[in-house]
Amino acid sequence: MSGSNPISVEALFSAPHFSRAQISPDGCQIAYLSIWSGRLNIFVRKIDGTDTNARRLTADERREIEVFCWTPDSAAILYLQDTNGDEN
């Protein structure tokens, strides 16, 4: 494998730039996790292509957000987050 560049351990285990995408129940929006201020936060954008800018819904700089879901009416997103690393 001459000419190949090895991937660093840091890059291999770093947070993804785009993760866990979910389409809203009404099919109009997509929510996903992306990096903001060094942590995974929730972003939303329209699917129809009229809005190319994602809207950040959360702004947590201390803890990653890893679990979220749409409400059945597509009006809101619910998420779980460990506040202080105490798993409560």
N, C-alpha and C. Protein backbone atom coordinates (compact mmCIF):
# COMPACT_ATOMS: atom_id res chain seq x y z
N MET A 1 0.83 -1.19 0.00
CA MET A 1 0.00 0.00 0.00
C MET A 1 0.87 1.24 0.00
N SER A 2 1.69 1.36 -0.96
CA SER A 2 2.52 2.54 -1.02
C SER A 2 1.69 3.77 -1.37
N GLY A 3 2.03 4.88 -0.77
CA GLY A 3 1.31 6.12 -1.03
C GLY A 3 0.09 6.32 -0.17
N SER A 4 -0.27 5.35 0.65
CA SER A 4 -1.44 5.53 1.51
C SER A 4 -1.05 6.27 2.78
N ASN A 5 -1.96 7.08 3.27
CA ASN A 5 -1.71 7.83 4.50
C ASN A 5 -2.49 7.19 5.63
N PRO A 6 -1.82 6.80 6.70
CA PRO A 6 -2.55 6.20 7.83
C PRO A 6 -3.44 7.24 8.51
N ILE A 7 -4.54 6.77 9.06
CA ILE A 7 -5.47 7.62 9.80
C ILE A 7 -5.00 7.69 11.25
N SER A 8 -4.96 8.89 11.81
CA SER A 8 -4.53 9.02 13.20
C SER A 8 -5.60 8.48 14.13
N VAL A 9 -5.19 8.07 15.30
CA VAL A 9 -6.13 7.57 16.31
C VAL A 9 -7.13 8.66 16.68
N GLU A 10 -6.67 9.90 16.77
CA GLU A 10 -7.56 11.02 17.11
C GLU A 10 -8.64 11.19 16.05
N ALA A 11 -8.26 11.12 14.79
CA ALA A 11 -9.24 11.27 13.70
C ALA A 11 -10.21 10.10 13.67
N LEU A 12 -9.71 8.90 13.93
CA LEU A 12 -10.55 7.71 13.90
C LEU A 12 -11.64 7.74 14.96
N PHE A 13 -11.32 8.24 16.14
CA PHE A 13 -12.27 8.24 17.25
C PHE A 13 -12.89 9.62 17.53
N SER A 14 -12.68 10.57 16.65
CA SER A 14 -13.27 11.89 16.86
C SER A 14 -14.77 11.87 16.54
N ALA A 15 -15.48 12.86 17.01
CA ALA A 15 -16.92 12.95 16.77
C ALA A 15 -17.18 13.17 15.28
N PRO A 16 -18.25 12.60 14.76
CA PRO A 16 -18.57 12.76 13.34
C PRO A 16 -19.03 14.19 13.04
N HIS A 17 -18.92 14.60 11.79
CA HIS A 17 -19.39 15.92 11.38
C HIS A 17 -20.89 15.93 11.13
N PHE A 18 -21.45 14.76 10.89
CA PHE A 18 -22.88 14.63 10.58
C PHE A 18 -23.28 13.24 11.03
N SER A 19 -24.26 13.13 11.93
CA SER A 19 -24.59 11.82 12.50
C SER A 19 -26.06 11.71 12.86
N ARG A 20 -26.57 10.49 12.83
CA ARG A 20 -27.90 10.11 13.32
C ARG A 20 -29.05 10.92 12.74
N ALA A 21 -29.03 11.13 11.46
CA ALA A 21 -30.07 11.91 10.80
C ALA A 21 -31.44 11.24 10.94
N GLN A 22 -32.47 12.06 11.16
CA GLN A 22 -33.85 11.58 11.28
C GLN A 22 -34.77 12.52 10.51
N ILE A 23 -35.60 11.96 9.65
CA ILE A 23 -36.58 12.74 8.93
C ILE A 23 -37.79 12.94 9.84
N SER A 24 -38.34 14.14 9.84
CA SER A 24 -39.52 14.44 10.66
C SER A 24 -40.70 13.59 10.19
N PRO A 25 -41.64 13.28 11.09
CA PRO A 25 -42.80 12.47 10.70
C PRO A 25 -43.60 13.05 9.54
N ASP A 26 -43.62 14.38 9.39
CA ASP A 26 -44.35 14.98 8.26
C ASP A 26 -43.53 15.00 6.98
N GLY A 27 -42.26 14.57 7.04
CA GLY A 27 -41.41 14.47 5.87
C GLY A 27 -40.85 15.77 5.35
N CYS A 28 -40.97 16.85 6.11
CA CYS A 28 -40.54 18.17 5.63
C CYS A 28 -39.16 18.60 6.12
N GLN A 29 -38.66 18.01 7.20
CA GLN A 29 -37.40 18.44 7.79
C GLN A 29 -36.52 17.25 8.12
N ILE A 30 -35.26 17.53 8.29
CA ILE A 30 -34.32 16.51 8.74
C ILE A 30 -33.55 17.08 9.93
N ALA A 31 -33.42 16.28 10.96
CA ALA A 31 -32.64 16.67 12.14
C ALA A 31 -31.43 15.75 12.21
N TYR A 32 -30.34 16.28 12.71
CA TYR A 32 -29.12 15.48 12.81
C TYR A 32 -28.21 16.07 13.87
N LEU A 33 -27.20 15.29 14.25
CA LEU A 33 -26.20 15.75 15.19
C LEU A 33 -24.99 16.22 14.40
N SER A 34 -24.42 17.33 14.83
CA SER A 34 -23.22 17.86 14.21
C SER A 34 -22.41 18.62 15.27
N ILE A 35 -21.16 18.85 14.97
CA ILE A 35 -20.28 19.52 15.92
C ILE A 35 -20.57 21.02 15.97
N TRP A 36 -20.71 21.52 17.18
CA TRP A 36 -20.75 22.96 17.45
C TRP A 36 -20.00 23.18 18.75
N SER A 37 -19.03 24.03 18.73
CA SER A 37 -18.21 24.35 19.90
C SER A 37 -17.59 23.08 20.51
N GLY A 38 -17.18 22.16 19.65
CA GLY A 38 -16.49 20.96 20.10
C GLY A 38 -17.38 19.84 20.61
N ARG A 39 -18.69 20.00 20.54
CA ARG A 39 -19.63 18.98 21.05
C ARG A 39 -20.72 18.71 20.03
N LEU A 40 -21.29 17.50 20.09
CA LEU A 40 -22.42 17.18 19.22
C LEU A 40 -23.67 17.90 19.70
N ASN A 41 -24.30 18.64 18.81
CA ASN A 41 -25.53 19.36 19.08
C ASN A 41 -26.53 19.05 17.97
N ILE A 42 -27.79 19.42 18.16
CA ILE A 42 -28.84 19.11 17.21
C ILE A 42 -29.03 20.26 16.22
N PHE A 43 -29.11 19.90 14.95
CA PHE A 43 -29.36 20.84 13.86
C PHE A 43 -30.56 20.36 13.07
N VAL A 44 -31.28 21.30 12.44
CA VAL A 44 -32.45 20.97 11.62
C VAL A 44 -32.38 21.77 10.32
N ARG A 45 -32.83 21.16 9.25
CA ARG A 45 -32.98 21.88 7.98
C ARG A 45 -34.14 21.29 7.21
N LYS A 46 -34.66 22.08 6.27
CA LYS A 46 -35.77 21.62 5.43
C LYS A 46 -35.24 20.63 4.40
N ILE A 47 -36.09 19.71 4.00
CA ILE A 47 -35.69 18.70 3.03
C ILE A 47 -35.88 19.18 1.60
N ASP A 48 -36.81 20.08 1.35
CA ASP A 48 -37.17 20.45 -0.02
C ASP A 48 -36.11 21.24 -0.78
N GLY A 49 -35.01 21.59 -0.13
CA GLY A 49 -33.93 22.29 -0.81
C GLY A 49 -34.07 23.80 -0.82
N THR A 50 -35.17 24.35 -0.28
CA THR A 50 -35.34 25.80 -0.26
C THR A 50 -34.49 26.46 0.80
N ASP A 51 -34.09 25.70 1.79
CA ASP A 51 -33.27 26.24 2.88
C ASP A 51 -31.99 25.43 2.94
N THR A 52 -30.90 26.01 2.50
CA THR A 52 -29.62 25.30 2.52
C THR A 52 -28.87 25.50 3.83
N ASN A 53 -29.36 26.39 4.69
CA ASN A 53 -28.72 26.64 5.97
C ASN A 53 -29.39 25.85 7.07
N ALA A 54 -28.59 25.14 7.83
CA ALA A 54 -29.12 24.40 8.96
C ALA A 54 -29.34 25.36 10.13
N ARG A 55 -30.34 25.05 10.93
CA ARG A 55 -30.62 25.83 12.13
C ARG A 55 -30.19 25.00 13.33
N ARG A 56 -29.33 25.55 14.17
CA ARG A 56 -28.89 24.85 15.38
C ARG A 56 -29.97 24.98 16.44
N LEU A 57 -30.38 23.84 17.03
CA LEU A 57 -31.41 23.88 18.06
C LEU A 57 -30.84 23.88 19.47
N THR A 58 -29.67 23.31 19.64
CA THR A 58 -29.06 23.25 20.97
C THR A 58 -27.70 23.94 20.93
N ALA A 59 -27.24 24.33 22.10
CA ALA A 59 -25.96 25.04 22.19
C ALA A 59 -25.21 24.61 23.44
N ASP A 60 -24.97 23.32 23.53
CA ASP A 60 -24.27 22.83 24.71
C ASP A 60 -22.78 22.71 24.43
N GLU A 61 -21.99 23.34 25.26
CA GLU A 61 -20.53 23.31 25.12
C GLU A 61 -19.87 22.32 26.07
N ARG A 62 -20.65 21.76 27.01
CA ARG A 62 -20.05 20.89 28.03
C ARG A 62 -20.24 19.40 27.75
N ARG A 63 -21.43 18.98 27.32
CA ARG A 63 -21.73 17.55 27.15
C ARG A 63 -22.32 17.29 25.78
N GLU A 64 -21.99 16.14 25.21
CA GLU A 64 -22.55 15.73 23.92
C GLU A 64 -24.04 15.45 24.06
N ILE A 65 -24.78 15.69 23.01
CA ILE A 65 -26.16 15.22 22.90
C ILE A 65 -26.09 14.00 22.01
N GLU A 66 -26.59 12.87 22.48
CA GLU A 66 -26.45 11.64 21.71
C GLU A 66 -27.77 11.01 21.33
N VAL A 67 -28.85 11.36 22.01
CA VAL A 67 -30.15 10.74 21.74
C VAL A 67 -31.19 11.83 21.53
N PHE A 68 -31.93 11.74 20.42
CA PHE A 68 -33.02 12.67 20.18
C PHE A 68 -34.07 12.01 19.31
N CYS A 69 -35.28 12.58 19.32
CA CYS A 69 -36.35 12.08 18.45
C CYS A 69 -37.36 13.19 18.21
N TRP A 70 -38.07 13.07 17.10
CA TRP A 70 -39.14 14.00 16.77
C TRP A 70 -40.40 13.65 17.55
N THR A 71 -41.22 14.64 17.87
CA THR A 71 -42.55 14.37 18.38
C THR A 71 -43.41 13.93 17.19
N PRO A 72 -44.47 13.16 17.43
CA PRO A 72 -45.28 12.64 16.32
C PRO A 72 -45.86 13.72 15.39
N ASP A 73 -46.07 14.94 15.90
CA ASP A 73 -46.64 16.00 15.07
C ASP A 73 -45.56 16.85 14.36
N SER A 74 -44.31 16.48 14.50
CA SER A 74 -43.17 17.19 13.89
C SER A 74 -42.96 18.60 14.43
N ALA A 75 -43.62 18.95 15.52
CA ALA A 75 -43.53 20.31 16.07
C ALA A 75 -42.31 20.52 16.96
N ALA A 76 -41.74 19.44 17.48
CA ALA A 76 -40.64 19.59 18.43
C ALA A 76 -39.70 18.39 18.35
N ILE A 77 -38.53 18.58 18.92
CA ILE A 77 -37.56 17.49 19.06
C ILE A 77 -37.27 17.32 20.54
N LEU A 78 -37.31 16.10 20.99
CA LEU A 78 -36.99 15.76 22.38
C LEU A 78 -35.60 15.15 22.40
N TYR A 79 -34.83 15.43 23.46
CA TYR A 79 -33.51 14.82 23.55
C TYR A 79 -33.16 14.49 24.99
N LEU A 80 -32.28 13.51 25.14
CA LEU A 80 -31.75 13.10 26.43
C LEU A 80 -30.30 13.54 26.51
N GLN A 81 -29.91 13.96 27.70
CA GLN A 81 -28.53 14.39 27.87
C GLN A 81 -28.11 14.20 29.30
N ASP A 82 -26.92 13.64 29.49
CA ASP A 82 -26.33 13.50 30.81
C ASP A 82 -25.76 14.86 31.20
N THR A 83 -26.23 15.44 32.29
CA THR A 83 -25.87 16.79 32.65
C THR A 83 -24.44 16.94 33.19
N ASN A 84 -24.09 16.16 34.18
CA ASN A 84 -22.79 16.36 34.84
C ASN A 84 -21.92 15.11 34.83
N GLY A 85 -22.19 14.19 33.93
CA GLY A 85 -21.40 12.97 33.88
C GLY A 85 -21.75 11.98 34.97
N ASP A 86 -22.88 12.24 35.66
CA ASP A 86 -23.29 11.36 36.75
C ASP A 86 -24.34 10.35 36.32
N GLU A 87 -24.66 10.33 35.02
CA GLU A 87 -25.63 9.40 34.43
C GLU A 87 -27.04 9.57 34.95
N ASN A 88 -27.35 10.71 35.56
CA ASN A 88 -28.71 10.97 36.04
C ASN A 88 -29.44 11.86 35.05
